[in-house]
Amino acid sequence: TAAGADALVFASPNAVHGCYRLLPRF
């Protein structure tokens, strides 16, 4: 659902890792 937002703010490299760990094609 977040993928459709007007803007995403990634707080850290750990957030990037966590996101793509769950959804590799995010």
PDB file of all heavy atoms in Angstrom:
ATOM      1  N   THR A   1       0.831  -1.206   0.000  1.00  0.00           N
ATOM      2  CA  THR A   1       0.000   0.000   0.000  1.00  0.00           C
ATOM      3  C   THR A   1       0.867   1.259   0.000  1.00  0.00           C
ATOM      4  O   THR A   1       0.555   2.240  -0.691  1.00  0.00           O
ATOM      5  CB  THR A   1      -0.913   0.002   1.239  1.00  0.00           C
ATOM      6  OG1 THR A   1      -1.720  -1.178   1.229  1.00  0.00           O
ATOM      7  CG2 THR A   1      -1.820   1.221   1.240  1.00  0.00           C
ATOM      8  N   ALA A   2       1.964   1.228   0.740  1.00  0.00           N
ATOM      9  CA  ALA A   2       2.855   2.388   0.814  1.00  0.00           C
ATOM     10  C   ALA A   2       3.460   2.733  -0.539  1.00  0.00           C
ATOM     11  O   ALA A   2       3.790   3.893  -0.807  1.00  0.00           O
ATOM     12  CB  ALA A   2       3.964   2.131   1.831  1.00  0.00           C
ATOM     13  N   ALA A   3       3.626   1.747  -1.397  1.00  0.00           N
ATOM     14  CA  ALA A   3       4.230   1.986  -2.713  1.00  0.00           C
ATOM     15  C   ALA A   3       3.440   3.004  -3.526  1.00  0.00           C
ATOM     16  O   ALA A   3       3.996   3.666  -4.410  1.00  0.00           O
ATOM     17  CB  ALA A   3       4.340   0.678  -3.487  1.00  0.00           C
ATOM     18  N   GLY A   4       2.168   3.175  -3.225  1.00  0.00           N
ATOM     19  CA  GLY A   4       1.349   4.120  -3.958  1.00  0.00           C
ATOM     20  C   GLY A   4       1.303   5.511  -3.358  1.00  0.00           C
ATOM     21  O   GLY A   4       0.581   6.381  -3.856  1.00  0.00           O
ATOM     22  N   ALA A   5       2.077   5.771  -2.307  1.00  0.00           N
ATOM     23  CA  ALA A   5       2.062   7.077  -1.650  1.00  0.00           C
ATOM     24  C   ALA A   5       2.684   8.152  -2.539  1.00  0.00           C
ATOM     25  O   ALA A   5       3.440   7.869  -3.472  1.00  0.00           O
ATOM     26  CB  ALA A   5       2.814   7.002  -0.320  1.00  0.00           C
ATOM     27  N   ASP A   6       2.373   9.404  -2.227  1.00  0.00           N
ATOM     28  CA  ASP A   6       2.971  10.521  -2.969  1.00  0.00           C
ATOM     29  C   ASP A   6       4.465  10.629  -2.713  1.00  0.00           C
ATOM     30  O   ASP A   6       5.222  11.088  -3.572  1.00  0.00           O
ATOM     31  CB  ASP A   6       2.277  11.828  -2.579  1.00  0.00           C
ATOM     32  CG  ASP A   6       0.813  11.838  -2.982  1.00  0.00           C
ATOM     33  OD1 ASP A   6       0.535  11.942  -4.194  1.00  0.00           O
ATOM     34  OD2 ASP A   6      -0.044  11.726  -2.081  1.00  0.00           O
ATOM     35  N   ALA A   7       4.896  10.211  -1.513  1.00  0.00           N
ATOM     36  CA  ALA A   7       6.325  10.242  -1.186  1.00  0.00           C
ATOM     37  C   ALA A   7       6.624   9.206  -0.111  1.00  0.00           C
ATOM     38  O   ALA A   7       5.810   8.970   0.792  1.00  0.00           O
ATOM     39  CB  ALA A   7       6.755  11.627  -0.705  1.00  0.00           C
ATOM     40  N   LEU A   8       7.790   8.593  -0.242  1.00  0.00           N
ATOM     41  CA  LEU A   8       8.317   7.695   0.774  1.00  0.00           C
ATOM     42  C   LEU A   8       9.593   8.299   1.334  1.00  0.00           C
ATOM     43  O   LEU A   8      10.390   8.875   0.588  1.00  0.00           O
ATOM     44  CB  LEU A   8       8.633   6.319   0.189  1.00  0.00           C
ATOM     45  CG  LEU A   8       7.480   5.482  -0.355  1.00  0.00           C
ATOM     46  CD1 LEU A   8       8.017   4.171  -0.915  1.00  0.00           C
ATOM     47  CD2 LEU A   8       6.451   5.207   0.732  1.00  0.00           C
ATOM     48  N   VAL A   9       9.793   8.152   2.631  1.00  0.00           N
ATOM     49  CA  VAL A   9      11.021   8.627   3.283  1.00  0.00           C
ATOM     50  C   VAL A   9      11.685   7.430   3.952  1.00  0.00           C
ATOM     51  O   VAL A   9      11.146   6.860   4.902  1.00  0.00           O
ATOM     52  CB  VAL A   9      10.725   9.717   4.324  1.00  0.00           C
ATOM     53  CG1 VAL A   9      12.032  10.182   4.978  1.00  0.00           C
ATOM     54  CG2 VAL A   9       9.992  10.894   3.696  1.00  0.00           C
ATOM     55  N   PHE A  10      12.838   7.018   3.425  1.00  0.00           N
ATOM     56  CA  PHE A  10      13.601   5.933   4.020  1.00  0.00           C
ATOM     57  C   PHE A  10      14.537   6.532   5.072  1.00  0.00           C
ATOM     58  O   PHE A  10      15.371   7.382   4.761  1.00  0.00           O
ATOM     59  CB  PHE A  10      14.410   5.184   2.968  1.00  0.00           C
ATOM     60  CG  PHE A  10      13.596   4.234   2.127  1.00  0.00           C
ATOM     61  CD1 PHE A  10      12.920   4.690   1.001  1.00  0.00           C
ATOM     62  CD2 PHE A  10      13.505   2.896   2.463  1.00  0.00           C
ATOM     63  CE1 PHE A  10      12.169   3.822   0.224  1.00  0.00           C
ATOM     64  CE2 PHE A  10      12.758   2.011   1.698  1.00  0.00           C
ATOM     65  CZ  PHE A  10      12.087   2.471   0.573  1.00  0.00           C
ATOM     66  N   ALA A  11      14.415   6.071   6.318  1.00  0.00           N
ATOM     67  CA  ALA A  11      15.160   6.671   7.421  1.00  0.00           C
ATOM     68  C   ALA A  11      16.599   6.187   7.508  1.00  0.00           C
ATOM     69  O   ALA A  11      17.445   6.878   8.079  1.00  0.00           O
ATOM     70  CB  ALA A  11      14.451   6.385   8.744  1.00  0.00           C
ATOM     71  N   SER A  12      16.905   5.017   6.943  1.00  0.00           N
ATOM     72  CA  SER A  12      18.231   4.434   7.140  1.00  0.00           C
ATOM     73  C   SER A  12      18.456   3.305   6.142  1.00  0.00           C
ATOM     74  O   SER A  12      17.503   2.804   5.535  1.00  0.00           O
ATOM     75  CB  SER A  12      18.356   3.873   8.560  1.00  0.00           C
ATOM     76  OG  SER A  12      17.469   2.765   8.704  1.00  0.00           O
ATOM     77  N   PRO A  13      19.708   2.865   5.989  1.00  0.00           N
ATOM     78  CA  PRO A  13      19.966   1.672   5.162  1.00  0.00           C
ATOM     79  C   PRO A  13      19.229   0.448   5.688  1.00  0.00           C
ATOM     80  O   PRO A  13      18.838  -0.424   4.902  1.00  0.00           O
ATOM     81  CB  PRO A  13      21.487   1.501   5.266  1.00  0.00           C
ATOM     82  CG  PRO A  13      22.012   2.866   5.564  1.00  0.00           C
ATOM     83  CD  PRO A  13      20.971   3.505   6.439  1.00  0.00           C
ATOM     84  N   ASN A  14      19.039   0.362   7.004  1.00  0.00           N
ATOM     85  CA  ASN A  14      18.298  -0.769   7.562  1.00  0.00           C
ATOM     86  C   ASN A  14      16.849  -0.779   7.084  1.00  0.00           C
ATOM     87  O   ASN A  14      16.254  -1.849   6.904  1.00  0.00           O
ATOM     88  CB  ASN A  14      18.340  -0.715   9.092  1.00  0.00           C
ATOM     89  CG  ASN A  14      19.727  -0.972   9.636  1.00  0.00           C
ATOM     90  OD1 ASN A  14      20.348  -1.970   9.334  1.00  0.00           O
ATOM     91  ND2 ASN A  14      20.227  -0.044  10.433  1.00  0.00           N
ATOM     92  N   ALA A  15      16.283   0.405   6.888  1.00  0.00           N
ATOM     93  CA  ALA A  15      14.921   0.486   6.362  1.00  0.00           C
ATOM     94  C   ALA A  15      14.874  -0.002   4.919  1.00  0.00           C
ATOM     95  O   ALA A  15      13.926  -0.672   4.513  1.00  0.00           O
ATOM     96  CB  ALA A  15      14.409   1.919   6.459  1.00  0.00           C
ATOM     97  N   VAL A  16      15.896   0.327   4.152  1.00  0.00           N
ATOM     98  CA  VAL A  16      15.971  -0.151   2.768  1.00  0.00           C
ATOM     99  C   VAL A  16      16.066  -1.670   2.752  1.00  0.00           C
ATOM    100  O   VAL A  16      15.346  -2.354   2.028  1.00  0.00           O
ATOM    101  CB  VAL A  16      17.172   0.475   2.038  1.00  0.00           C
ATOM    102  CG1 VAL A  16      17.267  -0.052   0.612  1.00  0.00           C
ATOM    103  CG2 VAL A  16      17.064   1.998   2.035  1.00  0.00           C
ATOM    104  N   HIS A  17      16.959  -2.190   3.570  1.00  0.00           N
ATOM    105  CA  HIS A  17      17.126  -3.648   3.650  1.00  0.00           C
ATOM    106  C   HIS A  17      15.819  -4.322   4.056  1.00  0.00           C
ATOM    107  O   HIS A  17      15.408  -5.322   3.454  1.00  0.00           O
ATOM    108  CB  HIS A  17      18.222  -3.987   4.655  1.00  0.00           C
ATOM    109  CG  HIS A  17      18.219  -5.425   5.085  1.00  0.00           C
ATOM    110  ND1 HIS A  17      18.712  -6.441   4.285  1.00  0.00           N
ATOM    111  CD2 HIS A  17      17.758  -6.027   6.225  1.00  0.00           C
ATOM    112  CE1 HIS A  17      18.557  -7.600   4.906  1.00  0.00           C
ATOM    113  NE2 HIS A  17      17.977  -7.370   6.076  1.00  0.00           N
ATOM    114  N   GLY A  18      15.165  -3.777   5.088  1.00  0.00           N
ATOM    115  CA  GLY A  18      13.931  -4.388   5.564  1.00  0.00           C
ATOM    116  C   GLY A  18      12.837  -4.384   4.520  1.00  0.00           C
ATOM    117  O   GLY A  18      12.092  -5.360   4.380  1.00  0.00           O
ATOM    118  N   CYS A  19      12.731  -3.296   3.775  1.00  0.00           N
ATOM    119  CA  CYS A  19      11.705  -3.184   2.740  1.00  0.00           C
ATOM    120  C   CYS A  19      11.905  -4.224   1.643  1.00  0.00           C
ATOM    121  O   CYS A  19      10.989  -4.974   1.296  1.00  0.00           O
ATOM    122  CB  CYS A  19      11.725  -1.770   2.161  1.00  0.00           C
ATOM    123  SG  CYS A  19      10.602  -1.520   0.772  1.00  0.00           S
ATOM    124  N   TYR A  20      13.129  -4.286   1.117  1.00  0.00           N
ATOM    125  CA  TYR A  20      13.375  -5.177  -0.015  1.00  0.00           C
ATOM    126  C   TYR A  20      13.561  -6.628   0.413  1.00  0.00           C
ATOM    127  O   TYR A  20      13.469  -7.536  -0.419  1.00  0.00           O
ATOM    128  CB  TYR A  20      14.577  -4.676  -0.814  1.00  0.00           C
ATOM    129  CG  TYR A  20      14.228  -3.452  -1.634  1.00  0.00           C
ATOM    130  CD1 TYR A  20      14.393  -2.170  -1.113  1.00  0.00           C
ATOM    131  CD2 TYR A  20      13.694  -3.581  -2.912  1.00  0.00           C
ATOM    132  CE1 TYR A  20      14.048  -1.047  -1.847  1.00  0.00           C
ATOM    133  CE2 TYR A  20      13.344  -2.464  -3.654  1.00  0.00           C
ATOM    134  CZ  TYR A  20      13.518  -1.199  -3.116  1.00  0.00           C
ATOM    135  OH  TYR A  20      13.162  -0.096  -3.857  1.00  0.00           O
ATOM    136  N   ARG A  21      13.794  -6.856   1.682  1.00  0.00           N
ATOM    137  CA  ARG A  21      13.790  -8.231   2.194  1.00  0.00           C
ATOM    138  C   ARG A  21      12.388  -8.811   2.105  1.00  0.00           C
ATOM    139  O   ARG A  21      12.198  -9.983   1.746  1.00  0.00           O
ATOM    140  CB  ARG A  21      14.276  -8.235   3.651  1.00  0.00           C
ATOM    141  CG  ARG A  21      14.225  -9.596   4.337  1.00  0.00           C
ATOM    142  CD  ARG A  21      14.716  -9.486   5.769  1.00  0.00           C
ATOM    143  NE  ARG A  21      13.817  -8.685   6.590  1.00  0.00           N
ATOM    144  CZ  ARG A  21      12.854  -9.199   7.362  1.00  0.00           C
ATOM    145  NH1 ARG A  21      12.674 -10.502   7.418  1.00  0.00           N
ATOM    146  NH2 ARG A  21      12.090  -8.418   8.101  1.00  0.00           N
ATOM    147  N   LEU A  22      11.399  -7.972   2.398  1.00  0.00           N
ATOM    148  CA  LEU A  22      10.016  -8.417   2.365  1.00  0.00           C
ATOM    149  C   LEU A  22       9.435  -8.414   0.957  1.00  0.00           C
ATOM    150  O   LEU A  22       8.686  -9.318   0.577  1.00  0.00           O
ATOM    151  CB  LEU A  22       9.163  -7.537   3.282  1.00  0.00           C
ATOM    152  CG  LEU A  22       9.438  -7.673   4.777  1.00  0.00           C
ATOM    153  CD1 LEU A  22       8.789  -6.548   5.550  1.00  0.00           C
ATOM    154  CD2 LEU A  22       8.938  -9.014   5.288  1.00  0.00           C
ATOM    155  N   LEU A  23       9.771  -7.376   0.190  1.00  0.00           N
ATOM    156  CA  LEU A  23       9.250  -7.241  -1.179  1.00  0.00           C
ATOM    157  C   LEU A  23      10.409  -6.940  -2.124  1.00  0.00           C
ATOM    158  O   LEU A  23      10.709  -5.776  -2.407  1.00  0.00           O
ATOM    159  CB  LEU A  23       8.209  -6.114  -1.250  1.00  0.00           C
ATOM    160  CG  LEU A  23       6.899  -6.315  -0.488  1.00  0.00           C
ATOM    161  CD1 LEU A  23       6.002  -5.082  -0.656  1.00  0.00           C
ATOM    162  CD2 LEU A  23       6.159  -7.563  -0.963  1.00  0.00           C
ATOM    163  N   PRO A  24      11.093  -7.960  -2.628  1.00  0.00           N
ATOM    164  CA  PRO A  24      12.265  -7.742  -3.490  1.00  0.00           C
ATOM    165  C   PRO A  24      11.979  -6.901  -4.730  1.00  0.00           C
ATOM    166  O   PRO A  24      12.891  -6.251  -5.251  1.00  0.00           O
ATOM    167  CB  PRO A  24      12.687  -9.165  -3.869  1.00  0.00           C
ATOM    168  CG  PRO A  24      12.166 -10.024  -2.746  1.00  0.00           C
ATOM    169  CD  PRO A  24      10.867  -9.387  -2.345  1.00  0.00           C
ATOM    170  N   ARG A  25      10.754  -6.905  -5.207  1.00  0.00           N
ATOM    171  CA  ARG A  25      10.403  -6.139  -6.413  1.00  0.00           C
ATOM    172  C   ARG A  25       9.657  -4.850  -6.080  1.00  0.00           C
ATOM    173  O   ARG A  25       8.958  -4.286  -6.934  1.00  0.00           O
ATOM    174  CB  ARG A  25       9.561  -6.997  -7.355  1.00  0.00           C
ATOM    175  CG  ARG A  25      10.316  -8.224  -7.865  1.00  0.00           C
ATOM    176  CD  ARG A  25       9.512  -8.980  -8.885  1.00  0.00           C
ATOM    177  NE  ARG A  25      10.243 -10.142  -9.389  1.00  0.00           N
ATOM    178  CZ  ARG A  25       9.783 -10.977 -10.327  1.00  0.00           C
ATOM    179  NH1 ARG A  25       8.573 -10.774 -10.846  1.00  0.00           N
ATOM    180  NH2 ARG A  25      10.519 -12.002 -10.716  1.00  0.00           N
ATOM    181  N   PHE A  26       9.842  -4.373  -4.871  1.00  0.00           N
ATOM    182  CA  PHE A  26       9.155  -3.152  -4.432  1.00  0.00           C
ATOM    183  C   PHE A  26       9.515  -1.980  -5.340  1.00  0.00           C
ATOM    184  O   PHE A  26      10.686  -1.738  -5.636  1.00  0.00           O
ATOM    185  CB  PHE A  26       9.569  -2.824  -2.992  1.00  0.00           C
ATOM    186  CG  PHE A  26       8.914  -1.589  -2.431  1.00  0.00           C
ATOM    187  CD1 PHE A  26       7.655  -1.644  -1.868  1.00  0.00           C
ATOM    188  CD2 PHE A  26       9.564  -0.367  -2.467  1.00  0.00           C
ATOM    189  CE1 PHE A  26       7.051  -0.511  -1.343  1.00  0.00           C
ATOM    190  CE2 PHE A  26       8.990   0.770  -1.940  1.00  0.00           C
ATOM    191  CZ  PHE A  26       7.717   0.697  -1.381  1.00  0.00           C
TER     192      PHE A  26
END
